[in-house]
Structure formats: C-alpha cells, structure tokens
C-alpha cells in the first residue's frame, strides 16, 4: 500500500482534507449539479422540441456524428 504525505501547512491553508472512494465522490458530484424544473410556456416548448426530435429519430432523419465538425 502506498503512503501519501500531506504537509500540515497545506491542510491548514486549505481548511482540511477529505478522503472518499471514487464511487462516493461520483455520487456527490452528480448531486451537486442543479436540477431545474420548467413551468408554463418554457416546459411546453421543451416538450414539443423533444417530441419533434423523437419523431425525426423514429423516421430515420437523424445521423450519428463523432464531433461538432461533422455538422457541416
């Protein structure tokens, strides 16, 4: 097992240290992203946009791209 040394001065300067597993960090990170709830016209407009996109996808009018440069 590897040993990690963290200077006390850095800990005091930064206000402490937290050690988490990667899985726990990812959970915290996902919850940190704000959730927005649309209402009224904005919600209706977004619903219509999603419906239109799904119709185009089912009709085969969409294509897979690897980067934004492929949109030309």
PDB file of N, CA and C in Angstrom:
ATOM      1  N   UNK A   1       0.844  -1.169   0.000  1.00  0.00           N
ATOM      2  CA  UNK A   1       0.000   0.000   0.000  1.00  0.00           C
ATOM      3  C   UNK A   1       0.894   1.240   0.000  1.00  0.00           C
ATOM      4  N   UNK A   2       0.538   2.224  -0.781  1.00  0.00           N
ATOM      5  CA  UNK A   2       1.315   3.446  -0.897  1.00  0.00           C
ATOM      6  C   UNK A   2       0.979   4.410   0.243  1.00  0.00           C
ATOM      7  N   UNK A   3       1.967   5.182   0.638  1.00  0.00           N
ATOM      8  CA  UNK A   3       1.782   6.183   1.685  1.00  0.00           C
ATOM      9  C   UNK A   3       1.720   7.553   1.032  1.00  0.00           C
ATOM     10  N   UNK A   4       0.772   8.343   1.459  1.00  0.00           N
ATOM     11  CA  UNK A   4       0.614   9.695   0.932  1.00  0.00           C
ATOM     12  C   UNK A   4       0.917  10.674   2.047  1.00  0.00           C
ATOM     13  N   UNK A   5       1.785  11.644   1.773  1.00  0.00           N
ATOM     14  CA  UNK A   5       2.138  12.652   2.761  1.00  0.00           C
ATOM     15  C   UNK A   5       1.546  13.987   2.341  1.00  0.00           C
ATOM     16  N   UNK A   6       0.837  14.608   3.264  1.00  0.00           N
ATOM     17  CA  UNK A   6       0.253  15.923   3.009  1.00  0.00           C
ATOM     18  C   UNK A   6       0.782  16.864   4.086  1.00  0.00           C
ATOM     19  N   UNK A   7       1.475  17.937   3.684  1.00  0.00           N
ATOM     20  CA  UNK A   7       2.036  18.857   4.667  1.00  0.00           C
ATOM     21  C   UNK A   7       0.941  19.502   5.533  1.00  0.00           C
ATOM     22  N   UNK A   8       1.218  19.647   6.832  1.00  0.00           N
ATOM     23  CA  UNK A   8       0.257  20.261   7.751  1.00  0.00           C
ATOM     24  C   UNK A   8      -0.070  21.685   7.328  1.00  0.00           C
ATOM     25  N   UNK A   9       0.930  22.396   6.782  1.00  0.00           N
ATOM     26  CA  UNK A   9       0.699  23.778   6.357  1.00  0.00           C
ATOM     27  C   UNK A   9      -0.354  23.841   5.249  1.00  0.00           C
ATOM     28  N   UNK A  10      -0.325  22.878   4.348  1.00  0.00           N
ATOM     29  CA  UNK A  10      -1.309  22.842   3.251  1.00  0.00           C
ATOM     30  C   UNK A  10      -2.693  22.526   3.796  1.00  0.00           C
ATOM     31  N   UNK A  11      -2.765  21.603   4.752  1.00  0.00           N
ATOM     32  CA  UNK A  11      -4.055  21.251   5.350  1.00  0.00           C
ATOM     33  C   UNK A  11      -4.660  22.461   6.042  1.00  0.00           C
ATOM     34  N   UNK A  12      -3.840  23.199   6.794  1.00  0.00           N
ATOM     35  CA  UNK A  12      -4.332  24.401   7.480  1.00  0.00           C
ATOM     36  C   UNK A  12      -4.757  25.466   6.479  1.00  0.00           C
ATOM     37  N   UNK A  13      -3.965  25.617   5.418  1.00  0.00           N
ATOM     38  CA  UNK A  13      -4.263  26.628   4.400  1.00  0.00           C
ATOM     39  C   UNK A  13      -5.562  26.306   3.662  1.00  0.00           C
ATOM     40  N   UNK A  14      -5.770  25.046   3.322  1.00  0.00           N
ATOM     41  CA  UNK A  14      -6.948  24.628   2.561  1.00  0.00           C
ATOM     42  C   UNK A  14      -8.166  24.391   3.443  1.00  0.00           C
ATOM     43  N   UNK A  15      -7.978  24.289   4.733  1.00  0.00           N
ATOM     44  CA  UNK A  15      -9.118  24.099   5.622  1.00  0.00           C
ATOM     45  C   UNK A  15      -9.452  22.645   5.890  1.00  0.00           C
ATOM     46  N   UNK A  16      -8.560  21.725   5.565  1.00  0.00           N
ATOM     47  CA  UNK A  16      -8.799  20.313   5.852  1.00  0.00           C
ATOM     48  C   UNK A  16      -8.677  19.449   4.623  1.00  0.00           C
ATOM     49  N   UNK A  17      -8.809  18.148   4.840  1.00  0.00           N
ATOM     50  CA  UNK A  17      -8.695  17.169   3.762  1.00  0.00           C
ATOM     51  C   UNK A  17      -9.789  16.131   3.948  1.00  0.00           C
ATOM     52  N   UNK A  18     -10.359  15.687   2.835  1.00  0.00           N
ATOM     53  CA  UNK A  18     -11.388  14.646   2.866  1.00  0.00           C
ATOM     54  C   UNK A  18     -10.938  13.520   1.940  1.00  0.00           C
ATOM     55  N   UNK A  19     -11.086  12.286   2.402  1.00  0.00           N
ATOM     56  CA  UNK A  19     -10.739  11.126   1.596  1.00  0.00           C
ATOM     57  C   UNK A  19     -12.016  10.345   1.332  1.00  0.00           C
ATOM     58  N   UNK A  20     -12.342  10.180   0.050  1.00  0.00           N
ATOM     59  CA  UNK A  20     -13.549   9.467  -0.355  1.00  0.00           C
ATOM     60  C   UNK A  20     -13.201   8.418  -1.400  1.00  0.00           C
ATOM     61  N   UNK A  21     -14.007   7.399  -1.463  1.00  0.00           N
ATOM     62  CA  UNK A  21     -13.855   6.448  -2.562  1.00  0.00           C
ATOM     63  C   UNK A  21     -14.333   7.133  -3.841  1.00  0.00           C
ATOM     64  N   UNK A  22     -13.894   6.638  -4.964  1.00  0.00           N
ATOM     65  CA  UNK A  22     -14.289   7.224  -6.244  1.00  0.00           C
ATOM     66  C   UNK A  22     -15.796   7.138  -6.432  1.00  0.00           C
ATOM     67  N   UNK A  23     -16.381   6.031  -6.016  1.00  0.00           N
ATOM     68  CA  UNK A  23     -17.826   5.840  -6.148  1.00  0.00           C
ATOM     69  C   UNK A  23     -18.599   6.893  -5.339  1.00  0.00           C
ATOM     70  N   UNK A  24     -18.160   7.131  -4.107  1.00  0.00           N
ATOM     71  CA  UNK A  24     -18.816   8.130  -3.255  1.00  0.00           C
ATOM     72  C   UNK A  24     -18.632   9.531  -3.827  1.00  0.00           C
ATOM     73  N   UNK A  25     -17.426   9.824  -4.343  1.00  0.00           N
ATOM     74  CA  UNK A  25     -17.170  11.123  -4.959  1.00  0.00           C
ATOM     75  C   UNK A  25     -18.098  11.345  -6.148  1.00  0.00           C
ATOM     76  N   UNK A  26     -18.284  10.337  -6.984  1.00  0.00           N
ATOM     77  CA  UNK A  26     -19.151  10.462  -8.149  1.00  0.00           C
ATOM     78  C   UNK A  26     -20.590  10.720  -7.728  1.00  0.00           C
ATOM     79  N   UNK A  27     -21.054  10.081  -6.658  1.00  0.00           N
ATOM     80  CA  UNK A  27     -22.409  10.332  -6.161  1.00  0.00           C
ATOM     81  C   UNK A  27     -22.559  11.782  -5.724  1.00  0.00           C
ATOM     82  N   UNK A  28     -21.582  12.277  -4.981  1.00  0.00           N
ATOM     83  CA  UNK A  28     -21.624  13.670  -4.526  1.00  0.00           C
ATOM     84  C   UNK A  28     -21.582  14.635  -5.708  1.00  0.00           C
ATOM     85  N   UNK A  29     -20.757  14.318  -6.689  1.00  0.00           N
ATOM     86  CA  UNK A  29     -20.617  15.168  -7.871  1.00  0.00           C
ATOM     87  C   UNK A  29     -21.932  15.246  -8.646  1.00  0.00           C
ATOM     88  N   UNK A  30     -22.601  14.107  -8.808  1.00  0.00           N
ATOM     89  CA  UNK A  30     -23.867  14.077  -9.541  1.00  0.00           C
ATOM     90  C   UNK A  30     -24.937  14.882  -8.828  1.00  0.00           C
ATOM     91  N   UNK A  31     -24.936  14.835  -7.502  1.00  0.00           N
ATOM     92  CA  UNK A  31     -25.937  15.587  -6.740  1.00  0.00           C
ATOM     93  C   UNK A  31     -25.638  17.079  -6.705  1.00  0.00           C
ATOM     94  N   UNK A  32     -24.407  17.464  -7.022  1.00  0.00           N
ATOM     95  CA  UNK A  32     -24.020  18.871  -6.984  1.00  0.00           C
ATOM     96  C   UNK A  32     -24.570  19.644  -8.184  1.00  0.00           C
ATOM     97  N   UNK A  33     -24.932  18.936  -9.251  1.00  0.00           N
ATOM     98  CA  UNK A  33     -25.475  19.590 -10.439  1.00  0.00           C
ATOM     99  C   UNK A  33     -26.905  20.023 -10.141  1.00  0.00           C
ATOM    100  N   UNK A  34     -27.215  21.297 -10.359  1.00  0.00           N
ATOM    101  CA  UNK A  34     -28.563  21.756 -10.035  1.00  0.00           C
ATOM    102  C   UNK A  34     -29.635  21.141 -10.935  1.00  0.00           C
ATOM    103  N   UNK A  35     -30.810  20.951 -10.381  1.00  0.00           N
ATOM    104  CA  UNK A  35     -31.946  20.425 -11.129  1.00  0.00           C
ATOM    105  C   UNK A  35     -32.912  21.567 -11.386  1.00  0.00           C
ATOM    106  N   UNK A  36     -33.312  21.733 -12.621  1.00  0.00           N
ATOM    107  CA  UNK A  36     -34.235  22.794 -12.981  1.00  0.00           C
ATOM    108  C   UNK A  36     -35.575  22.197 -13.360  1.00  0.00           C
ATOM    109  N   UNK A  37     -36.633  22.804 -12.897  1.00  0.00           N
ATOM    110  CA  UNK A  37     -37.984  22.392 -13.244  1.00  0.00           C
ATOM    111  C   UNK A  37     -38.629  23.528 -14.021  1.00  0.00           C
ATOM    112  N   UNK A  38     -38.986  23.253 -15.255  1.00  0.00           N
ATOM    113  CA  UNK A  38     -39.606  24.273 -16.092  1.00  0.00           C
ATOM    114  C   UNK A  38     -41.106  24.268 -15.879  1.00  0.00           C
ATOM    115  N   UNK A  39     -41.705  25.441 -16.038  1.00  0.00           N
ATOM    116  CA  UNK A  39     -43.155  25.574 -15.895  1.00  0.00           C
ATOM    117  C   UNK A  39     -43.688  26.420 -17.047  1.00  0.00           C
ATOM    118  N   UNK A  40     -44.940  26.267 -17.319  1.00  0.00           N
ATOM    119  CA  UNK A  40     -45.613  27.114 -18.293  1.00  0.00           C
ATOM    120  C   UNK A  40     -45.106  26.943 -19.709  1.00  0.00           C
ATOM    121  N   UNK A  41     -44.908  28.085 -20.389  1.00  0.00           N
ATOM    122  CA  UNK A  41     -44.511  28.076 -21.800  1.00  0.00           C
ATOM    123  C   UNK A  41     -43.167  27.390 -22.023  1.00  0.00           C
ATOM    124  N   UNK A  42     -42.227  27.606 -21.110  1.00  0.00           N
ATOM    125  CA  UNK A  42     -40.899  27.007 -21.281  1.00  0.00           C
ATOM    126  C   UNK A  42     -40.988  25.484 -21.256  1.00  0.00           C
ATOM    127  N   UNK A  43     -41.783  24.939 -20.353  1.00  0.00           N
ATOM    128  CA  UNK A  43     -41.938  23.483 -20.259  1.00  0.00           C
ATOM    129  C   UNK A  43     -42.621  22.937 -21.507  1.00  0.00           C
ATOM    130  N   UNK A  44     -43.656  23.619 -21.966  1.00  0.00           N
ATOM    131  CA  UNK A  44     -44.389  23.174 -23.153  1.00  0.00           C
ATOM    132  C   UNK A  44     -43.481  23.214 -24.389  1.00  0.00           C
ATOM    133  N   UNK A  45     -42.695  24.281 -24.514  1.00  0.00           N
ATOM    134  CA  UNK A  45     -41.797  24.425 -25.653  1.00  0.00           C
ATOM    135  C   UNK A  45     -40.748  23.309 -25.661  1.00  0.00           C
ATOM    136  N   UNK A  46     -40.208  22.991 -24.492  1.00  0.00           N
ATOM    137  CA  UNK A  46     -39.217  21.922 -24.413  1.00  0.00           C
ATOM    138  C   UNK A  46     -39.845  20.566 -24.727  1.00  0.00           C
ATOM    139  N   UNK A  47     -41.042  20.322 -24.224  1.00  0.00           N
ATOM    140  CA  UNK A  47     -41.747  19.069 -24.527  1.00  0.00           C
ATOM    141  C   UNK A  47     -41.952  18.903 -26.030  1.00  0.00           C
ATOM    142  N   UNK A  48     -42.348  19.977 -26.698  1.00  0.00           N
ATOM    143  CA  UNK A  48     -42.565  19.923 -28.138  1.00  0.00           C
ATOM    144  C   UNK A  48     -41.254  19.656 -28.887  1.00  0.00           C
ATOM    145  N   UNK A  49     -40.168  20.272 -28.423  1.00  0.00           N
ATOM    146  CA  UNK A  49     -38.868  20.067 -29.049  1.00  0.00           C
ATOM    147  C   UNK A  49     -38.429  18.612 -28.915  1.00  0.00           C
ATOM    148  N   UNK A  50     -38.626  18.035 -27.740  1.00  0.00           N
ATOM    149  CA  UNK A  50     -38.256  16.626 -27.521  1.00  0.00           C
ATOM    150  C   UNK A  50     -39.125  15.717 -28.385  1.00  0.00           C
ATOM    151  N   UNK A  51     -40.415  15.974 -28.440  1.00  0.00           N
ATOM    152  CA  UNK A  51     -41.316  15.159 -29.268  1.00  0.00           C
ATOM    153  C   UNK A  51     -40.910  15.206 -30.732  1.00  0.00           C
ATOM    154  N   UNK A  52     -40.573  16.399 -31.217  1.00  0.00           N
ATOM    155  CA  UNK A  52     -40.148  16.542 -32.612  1.00  0.00           C
ATOM    156  C   UNK A  52     -38.866  15.751 -32.865  1.00  0.00           C
ATOM    157  N   UNK A  53     -37.921  15.821 -31.948  1.00  0.00           N
ATOM    158  CA  UNK A  53     -36.673  15.079 -32.097  1.00  0.00           C
ATOM    159  C   UNK A  53     -36.901  13.578 -32.108  1.00  0.00           C
ATOM    160  N   UNK A  54     -37.798  13.097 -31.251  1.00  0.00           N
ATOM    161  CA  UNK A  54     -38.104  11.668 -31.227  1.00  0.00           C
ATOM    162  C   UNK A  54     -38.788  11.215 -32.511  1.00  0.00           C
ATOM    163  N   UNK A  55     -39.681  12.050 -33.052  1.00  0.00           N
ATOM    164  CA  UNK A  55     -40.338  11.715 -34.322  1.00  0.00           C
ATOM    165  C   UNK A  55     -39.305  11.604 -35.442  1.00  0.00           C
ATOM    166  N   UNK A  56     -38.376  12.565 -35.484  1.00  0.00           N
ATOM    167  CA  UNK A  56     -37.333  12.545 -36.519  1.00  0.00           C
ATOM    168  C   UNK A  56     -36.433  11.325 -36.355  1.00  0.00           C
ATOM    169  N   UNK A  57     -36.135  10.958 -35.114  1.00  0.00           N
ATOM    170  CA  UNK A  57     -35.292   9.792 -34.869  1.00  0.00           C
ATOM    171  C   UNK A  57     -35.989   8.529 -35.356  1.00  0.00           C
ATOM    172  N   UNK A  58     -37.264   8.369 -35.022  1.00  0.00           N
ATOM    173  CA  UNK A  58     -38.016   7.181 -35.444  1.00  0.00           C
ATOM    174  C   UNK A  58     -38.149   7.114 -36.960  1.00  0.00           C
ATOM    175  N   UNK A  59     -38.227   8.284 -37.618  1.00  0.00           N
ATOM    176  CA  UNK A  59     -38.370   8.338 -39.071  1.00  0.00           C
ATOM    177  C   UNK A  59     -37.031   8.156 -39.791  1.00  0.00           C
ATOM    178  N   UNK A  60     -35.943   8.067 -39.045  1.00  0.00           N
ATOM    179  CA  UNK A  60     -34.628   7.868 -39.661  1.00  0.00           C
ATOM    180  C   UNK A  60     -34.023   9.135 -40.222  1.00  0.00           C
ATOM    181  N   UNK A  61     -34.478  10.292 -39.767  1.00  0.00           N
ATOM    182  CA  UNK A  61     -33.974  11.565 -40.273  1.00  0.00           C
ATOM    183  C   UNK A  61     -32.756  12.073 -39.501  1.00  0.00           C
ATOM    184  N   UNK A  62     -32.292  11.316 -38.519  1.00  0.00           N
ATOM    185  CA  UNK A  62     -31.136  11.734 -37.738  1.00  0.00           C
ATOM    186  C   UNK A  62     -29.907  10.948 -38.168  1.00  0.00           C
ATOM    187  N   UNK A  63     -28.731  11.448 -37.766  1.00  0.00           N
ATOM    188  CA  UNK A  63     -27.500  10.743 -38.093  1.00  0.00           C
ATOM    189  C   UNK A  63     -26.546  10.838 -36.904  1.00  0.00           C
ATOM    190  N   UNK A  64     -25.685   9.864 -36.809  1.00  0.00           N
ATOM    191  CA  UNK A  64     -24.688   9.837 -35.738  1.00  0.00           C
ATOM    192  C   UNK A  64     -23.490  10.677 -36.166  1.00  0.00           C
ATOM    193  N   UNK A  65     -22.978  11.482 -35.258  1.00  0.00           N
ATOM    194  CA  UNK A  65     -21.785  12.281 -35.540  1.00  0.00           C
ATOM    195  C   UNK A  65     -20.752  12.007 -34.454  1.00  0.00           C
ATOM    196  N   UNK A  66     -19.483  12.201 -34.804  1.00  0.00           N
ATOM    197  CA  UNK A  66     -18.403  11.990 -33.841  1.00  0.00           C
ATOM    198  C   UNK A  66     -17.924  13.300 -33.239  1.00  0.00           C
ATOM    199  N   UNK A  67     -18.196  14.420 -33.909  1.00  0.00           N
ATOM    200  CA  UNK A  67     -17.812  15.731 -33.373  1.00  0.00           C
ATOM    201  C   UNK A  67     -18.711  16.791 -34.001  1.00  0.00           C
ATOM    202  N   UNK A  68     -18.649  17.984 -33.460  1.00  0.00           N
ATOM    203  CA  UNK A  68     -19.448  19.093 -33.997  1.00  0.00           C
ATOM    204  C   UNK A  68     -19.017  19.470 -35.412  1.00  0.00           C
ATOM    205  N   UNK A  69     -17.803  19.148 -35.781  1.00  0.00           N
ATOM    206  CA  UNK A  69     -17.320  19.437 -37.134  1.00  0.00           C
ATOM    207  C   UNK A  69     -18.088  18.641 -38.168  1.00  0.00           C
ATOM    208  N   UNK A  70     -18.701  17.525 -37.767  1.00  0.00           N
ATOM    209  CA  UNK A  70     -19.488  16.706 -38.700  1.00  0.00           C
ATOM    210  C   UNK A  70     -20.828  17.335 -39.065  1.00  0.00           C
ATOM    211  N   UNK A  71     -21.187  18.434 -38.443  1.00  0.00           N
ATOM    212  CA  UNK A  71     -22.480  19.070 -38.702  1.00  0.00           C
ATOM    213  C   UNK A  71     -22.483  19.905 -39.976  1.00  0.00           C
ATOM    214  N   UNK A  72     -21.333  20.130 -40.563  1.00  0.00           N
ATOM    215  CA  UNK A  72     -21.253  20.943 -41.796  1.00  0.00           C
ATOM    216  C   UNK A  72     -22.053  20.366 -42.913  1.00  0.00           C
TER     217      UNK A  72
END
